[in-house]
């Protein structure tokens, strides 16, 4: 049964979910240069997340051999009495038991892949504008000081949450537990649902807004070098 589950999960990424999940995963890898030759990537598999499908996507892209990289899969042994390790192994994922975050650092991995997806990016943009008065979002990759400078990458940056949910219903770790969100998160999710009913293209435009910034129409912006005003370059 284990081989059947493994084969079916892998076949799904080549057929049913190839366009919606794997192709978008591969496009994010290439567009944002998330994985390059010589990289060693860590993928953590945990309860209630998309770590399992993320791991399968990494196995699939490694099979293509277009990028020369290594990948290791981790899971906390005590989580649900090791149930998720067993499920992962049934799906063909060799999992290393994780005792602490230090295990990832000590494994030699220089990148940690997390499963934030397209909708998470959009929600972060709206949250920034509505509740912090700034334009910002999750980046495709960033250096994480808490992990000793290890680079966090988001290969599902272009993958939709609903497609990941459907794959998980077939092959993943469906737990039936309800996610907890803050009031701000709940409000943003509600607004996005209303936008979807008004015009399905609104969400895509929100996403594009942070990759199509016209600094000539921005009053001020800040970088690591400090705050910059439009007045600096304003021609009298």
C-alpha atoms as a PDB file:
ATOM      1  CA  UNK A   1       0.000   0.000   0.000  1.00  0.00           C
ATOM      2  CA  UNK A   2       2.856   2.333   0.784  1.00  0.00           C
ATOM      3  CA  UNK A   3       4.240   2.056  -2.766  1.00  0.00           C
ATOM      4  CA  UNK A   4       0.766   2.698  -4.187  1.00  0.00           C
ATOM      5  CA  UNK A   5       0.325   5.815  -2.065  1.00  0.00           C
ATOM      6  CA  UNK A   6       3.783   7.049  -3.113  1.00  0.00           C
ATOM      7  CA  UNK A   7       3.169   6.371  -6.803  1.00  0.00           C
ATOM      8  CA  UNK A   8      -0.264   7.994  -6.775  1.00  0.00           C
ATOM      9  CA  UNK A   9       1.026  11.124  -5.010  1.00  0.00           C
ATOM     10  CA  UNK A  10       3.876  11.494  -7.493  1.00  0.00           C
ATOM     11  CA  UNK A  11       1.649  10.775 -10.496  1.00  0.00           C
ATOM     12  CA  UNK A  12      -0.759  13.484  -9.334  1.00  0.00           C
ATOM     13  CA  UNK A  13       2.012  16.111  -9.624  1.00  0.00           C
ATOM     14  CA  UNK A  14       2.703  15.015 -13.195  1.00  0.00           C
ATOM     15  CA  UNK A  15      -0.937  14.975 -14.263  1.00  0.00           C
ATOM     16  CA  UNK A  16      -3.859  16.305 -12.201  1.00  0.00           C
ATOM     17  CA  UNK A  17      -1.907  18.887 -10.190  1.00  0.00           C
ATOM     18  CA  UNK A  18       0.916  19.545 -12.626  1.00  0.00           C
ATOM     19  CA  UNK A  19      -0.414  22.871 -13.913  1.00  0.00           C
ATOM     20  CA  UNK A  20      -1.900  24.174 -10.660  1.00  0.00           C
ATOM     21  CA  UNK A  21       0.800  23.120  -8.198  1.00  0.00           C
ATOM     22  CA  UNK A  22       4.035  21.776  -9.654  1.00  0.00           C
ATOM     23  CA  UNK A  23       4.351  24.184 -12.592  1.00  0.00           C
ATOM     24  CA  UNK A  24       3.711  27.170 -10.315  1.00  0.00           C
ATOM     25  CA  UNK A  25       6.187  25.762  -7.781  1.00  0.00           C
ATOM     26  CA  UNK A  26       8.834  25.390 -10.504  1.00  0.00           C
ATOM     27  CA  UNK A  27       8.090  28.870 -11.877  1.00  0.00           C
ATOM     28  CA  UNK A  28       8.651  30.432  -8.438  1.00  0.00           C
ATOM     29  CA  UNK A  29      11.921  28.490  -8.090  1.00  0.00           C
ATOM     30  CA  UNK A  30      13.138  29.881 -11.421  1.00  0.00           C
ATOM     31  CA  UNK A  31      11.644  33.388 -11.269  1.00  0.00           C
ATOM     32  CA  UNK A  32      12.985  34.241  -7.823  1.00  0.00           C
ATOM     33  CA  UNK A  33      16.104  32.014  -7.971  1.00  0.00           C
ATOM     34  CA  UNK A  34      15.050  30.221  -4.811  1.00  0.00           C
ATOM     35  CA  UNK A  35      17.192  27.123  -5.399  1.00  0.00           C
ATOM     36  CA  UNK A  36      20.499  27.115  -7.245  1.00  0.00           C
ATOM     37  CA  UNK A  37      23.367  24.710  -7.875  1.00  0.00           C
ATOM     38  CA  UNK A  38      25.118  23.754  -4.652  1.00  0.00           C
ATOM     39  CA  UNK A  39      22.198  24.559  -2.328  1.00  0.00           C
ATOM     40  CA  UNK A  40      21.156  22.291   0.530  1.00  0.00           C
ATOM     41  CA  UNK A  41      17.462  22.767   1.331  1.00  0.00           C
ATOM     42  CA  UNK A  42      15.580  21.775   4.487  1.00  0.00           C
ATOM     43  CA  UNK A  43      11.829  21.033   4.391  1.00  0.00           C
ATOM     44  CA  UNK A  44       9.941  20.593   7.667  1.00  0.00           C
ATOM     45  CA  UNK A  45       6.787  18.479   7.760  1.00  0.00           C
ATOM     46  CA  UNK A  46       4.347  19.349  10.516  1.00  0.00           C
ATOM     47  CA  UNK A  47       0.721  19.031  11.550  1.00  0.00           C
ATOM     48  CA  UNK A  48      -1.852  21.115   9.711  1.00  0.00           C
ATOM     49  CA  UNK A  49       0.571  22.475   7.097  1.00  0.00           C
ATOM     50  CA  UNK A  50       1.572  21.914   3.484  1.00  0.00           C
ATOM     51  CA  UNK A  51       4.977  20.432   4.273  1.00  0.00           C
ATOM     52  CA  UNK A  52       4.137  17.059   2.740  1.00  0.00           C
ATOM     53  CA  UNK A  53       3.203  18.413  -0.688  1.00  0.00           C
ATOM     54  CA  UNK A  54       6.166  20.808  -0.525  1.00  0.00           C
ATOM     55  CA  UNK A  55       8.459  17.832   0.079  1.00  0.00           C
ATOM     56  CA  UNK A  56       6.955  15.907  -2.853  1.00  0.00           C
ATOM     57  CA  UNK A  57       7.460  18.917  -5.134  1.00  0.00           C
ATOM     58  CA  UNK A  58      11.121  19.083  -4.138  1.00  0.00           C
ATOM     59  CA  UNK A  59      11.525  15.384  -4.876  1.00  0.00           C
ATOM     60  CA  UNK A  60       9.927  15.910  -8.278  1.00  0.00           C
ATOM     61  CA  UNK A  61      12.049  18.897  -9.279  1.00  0.00           C
ATOM     62  CA  UNK A  62      15.193  17.085  -8.117  1.00  0.00           C
ATOM     63  CA  UNK A  63      14.202  14.179 -10.366  1.00  0.00           C
ATOM     64  CA  UNK A  64      14.365  16.551 -13.343  1.00  0.00           C
ATOM     65  CA  UNK A  65      18.080  17.179 -12.565  1.00  0.00           C
ATOM     66  CA  UNK A  66      18.068  20.712 -13.943  1.00  0.00           C
ATOM     67  CA  UNK A  67      19.420  22.060 -10.647  1.00  0.00           C
ATOM     68  CA  UNK A  68      22.200  20.326  -8.715  1.00  0.00           C
ATOM     69  CA  UNK A  69      21.069  20.616  -5.093  1.00  0.00           C
ATOM     70  CA  UNK A  70      20.454  18.508  -1.987  1.00  0.00           C
ATOM     71  CA  UNK A  71      17.286  18.372   0.106  1.00  0.00           C
ATOM     72  CA  UNK A  72      16.553  16.918   3.549  1.00  0.00           C
ATOM     73  CA  UNK A  73      13.168  16.426   5.202  1.00  0.00           C
ATOM     74  CA  UNK A  74      12.524  16.917   8.909  1.00  0.00           C
ATOM     75  CA  UNK A  75       9.673  16.415  11.365  1.00  0.00           C
ATOM     76  CA  UNK A  76       9.340  16.672  15.125  1.00  0.00           C
ATOM     77  CA  UNK A  77       9.283  13.099  16.395  1.00  0.00           C
ATOM     78  CA  UNK A  78       6.925  13.774  19.298  1.00  0.00           C
ATOM     79  CA  UNK A  79       4.297  15.558  17.186  1.00  0.00           C
ATOM     80  CA  UNK A  80       1.175  13.373  17.184  1.00  0.00           C
ATOM     81  CA  UNK A  81       3.260  10.418  18.398  1.00  0.00           C
ATOM     82  CA  UNK A  82       5.235  10.270  15.176  1.00  0.00           C
ATOM     83  CA  UNK A  83       2.128   9.866  13.009  1.00  0.00           C
ATOM     84  CA  UNK A  84       3.284  12.432  10.459  1.00  0.00           C
ATOM     85  CA  UNK A  85       6.646  10.766  10.050  1.00  0.00           C
ATOM     86  CA  UNK A  86       4.871   7.510   9.210  1.00  0.00           C
ATOM     87  CA  UNK A  87       2.540   9.240   6.720  1.00  0.00           C
ATOM     88  CA  UNK A  88       5.490  10.996   5.081  1.00  0.00           C
ATOM     89  CA  UNK A  89       7.450   7.766   4.756  1.00  0.00           C
ATOM     90  CA  UNK A  90       4.405   6.001   3.257  1.00  0.00           C
ATOM     91  CA  UNK A  91       4.403   8.738   0.620  1.00  0.00           C
ATOM     92  CA  UNK A  92       8.069   8.117  -0.157  1.00  0.00           C
ATOM     93  CA  UNK A  93       9.635  10.878   1.919  1.00  0.00           C
ATOM     94  CA  UNK A  94      12.616   9.834   4.091  1.00  0.00           C
ATOM     95  CA  UNK A  95      12.213  11.941   7.223  1.00  0.00           C
ATOM     96  CA  UNK A  96      14.832  12.842   9.782  1.00  0.00           C
ATOM     97  CA  UNK A  97      13.594  13.242  13.342  1.00  0.00           C
ATOM     98  CA  UNK A  98      13.820  16.813  14.511  1.00  0.00           C
ATOM     99  CA  UNK A  99      14.429  17.571  18.182  1.00  0.00           C
ATOM    100  CA  UNK A 100      15.008  21.318  17.891  1.00  0.00           C
ATOM    101  CA  UNK A 101      15.508  24.029  15.273  1.00  0.00           C
ATOM    102  CA  UNK A 102      19.248  23.665  15.863  1.00  0.00           C
ATOM    103  CA  UNK A 103      19.056  20.308  14.079  1.00  0.00           C
ATOM    104  CA  UNK A 104      18.281  22.143  10.833  1.00  0.00           C
ATOM    105  CA  UNK A 105      21.223  24.492  11.341  1.00  0.00           C
ATOM    106  CA  UNK A 106      23.566  21.634  12.163  1.00  0.00           C
ATOM    107  CA  UNK A 107      22.487  19.546   9.161  1.00  0.00           C
ATOM    108  CA  UNK A 108      24.467  21.701   6.751  1.00  0.00           C
ATOM    109  CA  UNK A 109      21.367  23.166   5.101  1.00  0.00           C
ATOM    110  CA  UNK A 110      21.740  26.724   3.854  1.00  0.00           C
ATOM    111  CA  UNK A 111      18.061  27.188   2.982  1.00  0.00           C
ATOM    112  CA  UNK A 112      14.774  26.439   4.744  1.00  0.00           C
ATOM    113  CA  UNK A 113      11.684  26.036   2.538  1.00  0.00           C
ATOM    114  CA  UNK A 114       8.373  27.152   4.046  1.00  0.00           C
ATOM    115  CA  UNK A 115       4.897  26.663   2.582  1.00  0.00           C
ATOM    116  CA  UNK A 116       3.502  30.217   2.497  1.00  0.00           C
ATOM    117  CA  UNK A 117       1.375  30.516  -0.638  1.00  0.00           C
ATOM    118  CA  UNK A 118      -0.126  33.084  -3.042  1.00  0.00           C
ATOM    119  CA  UNK A 119      -3.013  34.049  -0.758  1.00  0.00           C
ATOM    120  CA  UNK A 120      -0.651  34.525   2.198  1.00  0.00           C
ATOM    121  CA  UNK A 121       1.250  37.097   0.115  1.00  0.00           C
ATOM    122  CA  UNK A 122      -1.936  38.986  -0.758  1.00  0.00           C
ATOM    123  CA  UNK A 123      -3.195  38.920   2.824  1.00  0.00           C
ATOM    124  CA  UNK A 124       0.101  40.352   4.049  1.00  0.00           C
ATOM    125  CA  UNK A 125      -0.118  43.216   1.555  1.00  0.00           C
ATOM    126  CA  UNK A 126      -3.629  44.129   2.684  1.00  0.00           C
ATOM    127  CA  UNK A 127      -2.714  43.786   6.363  1.00  0.00           C
ATOM    128  CA  UNK A 128       0.209  46.155   5.878  1.00  0.00           C
ATOM    129  CA  UNK A 129      -1.902  48.799   4.137  1.00  0.00           C
ATOM    130  CA  UNK A 130      -4.942  48.576   6.420  1.00  0.00           C
ATOM    131  CA  UNK A 131      -3.360  48.028   9.832  1.00  0.00           C
ATOM    132  CA  UNK A 132       0.230  49.285   9.626  1.00  0.00           C
ATOM    133  CA  UNK A 133      -0.032  52.024   7.024  1.00  0.00           C
ATOM    134  CA  UNK A 134       2.749  50.585   4.880  1.00  0.00           C
ATOM    135  CA  UNK A 135       3.227  48.682   1.650  1.00  0.00           C
ATOM    136  CA  UNK A 136       5.006  45.434   2.429  1.00  0.00           C
ATOM    137  CA  UNK A 137       4.558  41.707   2.021  1.00  0.00           C
ATOM    138  CA  UNK A 138       6.165  38.309   2.420  1.00  0.00           C
ATOM    139  CA  UNK A 139       9.257  38.131   0.249  1.00  0.00           C
ATOM    140  CA  UNK A 140      10.007  35.116  -1.991  1.00  0.00           C
ATOM    141  CA  UNK A 141      13.213  34.684   0.017  1.00  0.00           C
ATOM    142  CA  UNK A 142      14.912  36.388   2.939  1.00  0.00           C
ATOM    143  CA  UNK A 143      17.785  35.853   5.344  1.00  0.00           C
ATOM    144  CA  UNK A 144      16.530  34.762   8.768  1.00  0.00           C
ATOM    145  CA  UNK A 145      18.719  35.873  11.660  1.00  0.00           C
ATOM    146  CA  UNK A 146      16.948  33.561  14.122  1.00  0.00           C
ATOM    147  CA  UNK A 147      18.201  30.600  12.086  1.00  0.00           C
ATOM    148  CA  UNK A 148      21.796  31.746  12.076  1.00  0.00           C
ATOM    149  CA  UNK A 149      21.571  33.480   8.707  1.00  0.00           C
ATOM    150  CA  UNK A 150      19.923  30.550   6.939  1.00  0.00           C
ATOM    151  CA  UNK A 151      17.863  31.695   3.959  1.00  0.00           C
ATOM    152  CA  UNK A 152      14.105  31.174   4.132  1.00  0.00           C
ATOM    153  CA  UNK A 153      12.536  30.469   0.723  1.00  0.00           C
ATOM    154  CA  UNK A 154       8.861  30.327  -0.289  1.00  0.00           C
ATOM    155  CA  UNK A 155       8.495  27.996  -3.322  1.00  0.00           C
ATOM    156  CA  UNK A 156       4.662  28.086  -3.115  1.00  0.00           C
ATOM    157  CA  UNK A 157       4.704  31.859  -3.675  1.00  0.00           C
ATOM    158  CA  UNK A 158       2.619  31.465  -6.857  1.00  0.00           C
ATOM    159  CA  UNK A 159       0.543  28.439  -5.771  1.00  0.00           C
ATOM    160  CA  UNK A 160      -3.076  28.916  -4.703  1.00  0.00           C
ATOM    161  CA  UNK A 161      -4.224  27.741  -1.281  1.00  0.00           C
ATOM    162  CA  UNK A 162      -7.284  25.926  -2.644  1.00  0.00           C
ATOM    163  CA  UNK A 163      -5.146  23.716  -4.906  1.00  0.00           C
ATOM    164  CA  UNK A 164      -2.913  22.775  -1.983  1.00  0.00           C
ATOM    165  CA  UNK A 165      -6.002  22.004   0.086  1.00  0.00           C
ATOM    166  CA  UNK A 166      -7.368  19.704  -2.610  1.00  0.00           C
ATOM    167  CA  UNK A 167      -4.066  17.803  -2.850  1.00  0.00           C
ATOM    168  CA  UNK A 168      -3.987  17.420   0.922  1.00  0.00           C
ATOM    169  CA  UNK A 169      -7.514  16.033   0.921  1.00  0.00           C
ATOM    170  CA  UNK A 170      -6.273  13.250  -1.365  1.00  0.00           C
ATOM    171  CA  UNK A 171      -2.760  12.568  -0.115  1.00  0.00           C
ATOM    172  CA  UNK A 172      -1.878  14.839   2.790  1.00  0.00           C
ATOM    173  CA  UNK A 173      -2.279  15.064   6.524  1.00  0.00           C
ATOM    174  CA  UNK A 174      -5.866  16.226   6.939  1.00  0.00           C
ATOM    175  CA  UNK A 175      -6.433  16.675  10.662  1.00  0.00           C
ATOM    176  CA  UNK A 176      -9.809  18.384  10.738  1.00  0.00           C
ATOM    177  CA  UNK A 177      -8.483  21.016  13.139  1.00  0.00           C
ATOM    178  CA  UNK A 178      -9.566  24.627  12.668  1.00  0.00           C
ATOM    179  CA  UNK A 179      -6.881  27.234  12.124  1.00  0.00           C
ATOM    180  CA  UNK A 180      -6.733  30.110  14.575  1.00  0.00           C
ATOM    181  CA  UNK A 181      -6.548  33.603  13.132  1.00  0.00           C
ATOM    182  CA  UNK A 182      -6.289  37.027  14.713  1.00  0.00           C
ATOM    183  CA  UNK A 183      -9.096  39.554  14.298  1.00  0.00           C
ATOM    184  CA  UNK A 184      -7.012  41.371  11.699  1.00  0.00           C
ATOM    185  CA  UNK A 185      -6.448  38.185   9.725  1.00  0.00           C
ATOM    186  CA  UNK A 186     -10.135  37.312   9.847  1.00  0.00           C
ATOM    187  CA  UNK A 187     -11.057  40.785   8.599  1.00  0.00           C
ATOM    188  CA  UNK A 188      -8.591  40.635   5.729  1.00  0.00           C
ATOM    189  CA  UNK A 189      -9.813  37.177   4.695  1.00  0.00           C
ATOM    190  CA  UNK A 190     -13.393  38.441   4.726  1.00  0.00           C
ATOM    191  CA  UNK A 191     -12.456  41.430   2.567  1.00  0.00           C
ATOM    192  CA  UNK A 192     -10.715  39.200   0.040  1.00  0.00           C
ATOM    193  CA  UNK A 193     -13.806  37.025  -0.191  1.00  0.00           C
ATOM    194  CA  UNK A 194     -15.894  40.138  -0.893  1.00  0.00           C
ATOM    195  CA  UNK A 195     -13.377  41.279  -3.515  1.00  0.00           C
ATOM    196  CA  UNK A 196     -13.611  37.863  -5.168  1.00  0.00           C
ATOM    197  CA  UNK A 197     -17.379  38.283  -5.474  1.00  0.00           C
ATOM    198  CA  UNK A 198     -17.021  41.806  -6.872  1.00  0.00           C
ATOM    199  CA  UNK A 199     -14.217  41.055  -9.338  1.00  0.00           C
ATOM    200  CA  UNK A 200     -12.010  37.929  -9.356  1.00  0.00           C
ATOM    201  CA  UNK A 201      -9.148  39.996 -10.807  1.00  0.00           C
ATOM    202  CA  UNK A 202      -8.759  42.177  -7.716  1.00  0.00           C
ATOM    203  CA  UNK A 203      -6.628  39.647  -5.815  1.00  0.00           C
ATOM    204  CA  UNK A 204      -4.198  39.343  -8.733  1.00  0.00           C
ATOM    205  CA  UNK A 205      -3.906  43.134  -8.937  1.00  0.00           C
ATOM    206  CA  UNK A 206      -3.116  43.323  -5.224  1.00  0.00           C
ATOM    207  CA  UNK A 207      -0.309  40.813  -5.787  1.00  0.00           C
ATOM    208  CA  UNK A 208       1.011  42.769  -8.795  1.00  0.00           C
ATOM    209  CA  UNK A 209       1.011  46.021  -6.824  1.00  0.00           C
ATOM    210  CA  UNK A 210       4.222  45.083  -4.977  1.00  0.00           C
ATOM    211  CA  UNK A 211       6.109  44.083  -8.120  1.00  0.00           C
ATOM    212  CA  UNK A 212       4.980  47.080 -10.149  1.00  0.00           C
ATOM    213  CA  UNK A 213       5.813  49.980  -7.825  1.00  0.00           C
ATOM    214  CA  UNK A 214       6.276  53.344  -9.539  1.00  0.00           C
ATOM    215  CA  UNK A 215       8.549  55.365  -7.234  1.00  0.00           C
ATOM    216  CA  UNK A 216       7.663  58.518  -9.161  1.00  0.00           C
ATOM    217  CA  UNK A 217       4.200  58.338  -7.626  1.00  0.00           C
ATOM    218  CA  UNK A 218       5.283  57.439  -4.074  1.00  0.00           C
ATOM    219  CA  UNK A 219       5.570  60.213  -1.491  1.00  0.00           C
ATOM    220  CA  UNK A 220       8.221  58.434   0.544  1.00  0.00           C
ATOM    221  CA  UNK A 221       9.872  55.042   0.893  1.00  0.00           C
ATOM    222  CA  UNK A 222      12.551  53.550   3.113  1.00  0.00           C
ATOM    223  CA  UNK A 223      15.372  51.087   2.610  1.00  0.00           C
ATOM    224  CA  UNK A 224      18.279  49.949   4.737  1.00  0.00           C
ATOM    225  CA  UNK A 225      19.861  53.296   3.922  1.00  0.00           C
ATOM    226  CA  UNK A 226      17.025  55.243   5.566  1.00  0.00           C
ATOM    227  CA  UNK A 227      13.953  57.242   4.576  1.00  0.00           C
ATOM    228  CA  UNK A 228      13.715  58.841   1.134  1.00  0.00           C
ATOM    229  CA  UNK A 229      11.239  61.550   0.122  1.00  0.00           C
ATOM    230  CA  UNK A 230      10.040  62.434  -3.367  1.00  0.00           C
ATOM    231  CA  UNK A 231      11.369  65.917  -2.604  1.00  0.00           C
ATOM    232  CA  UNK A 232      14.955  64.630  -2.940  1.00  0.00           C
ATOM    233  CA  UNK A 233      14.593  64.359  -6.711  1.00  0.00           C
ATOM    234  CA  UNK A 234      11.798  66.826  -7.274  1.00  0.00           C
ATOM    235  CA  UNK A 235      12.549  69.220 -10.096  1.00  0.00           C
ATOM    236  CA  UNK A 236      11.499  72.801  -9.461  1.00  0.00           C
END
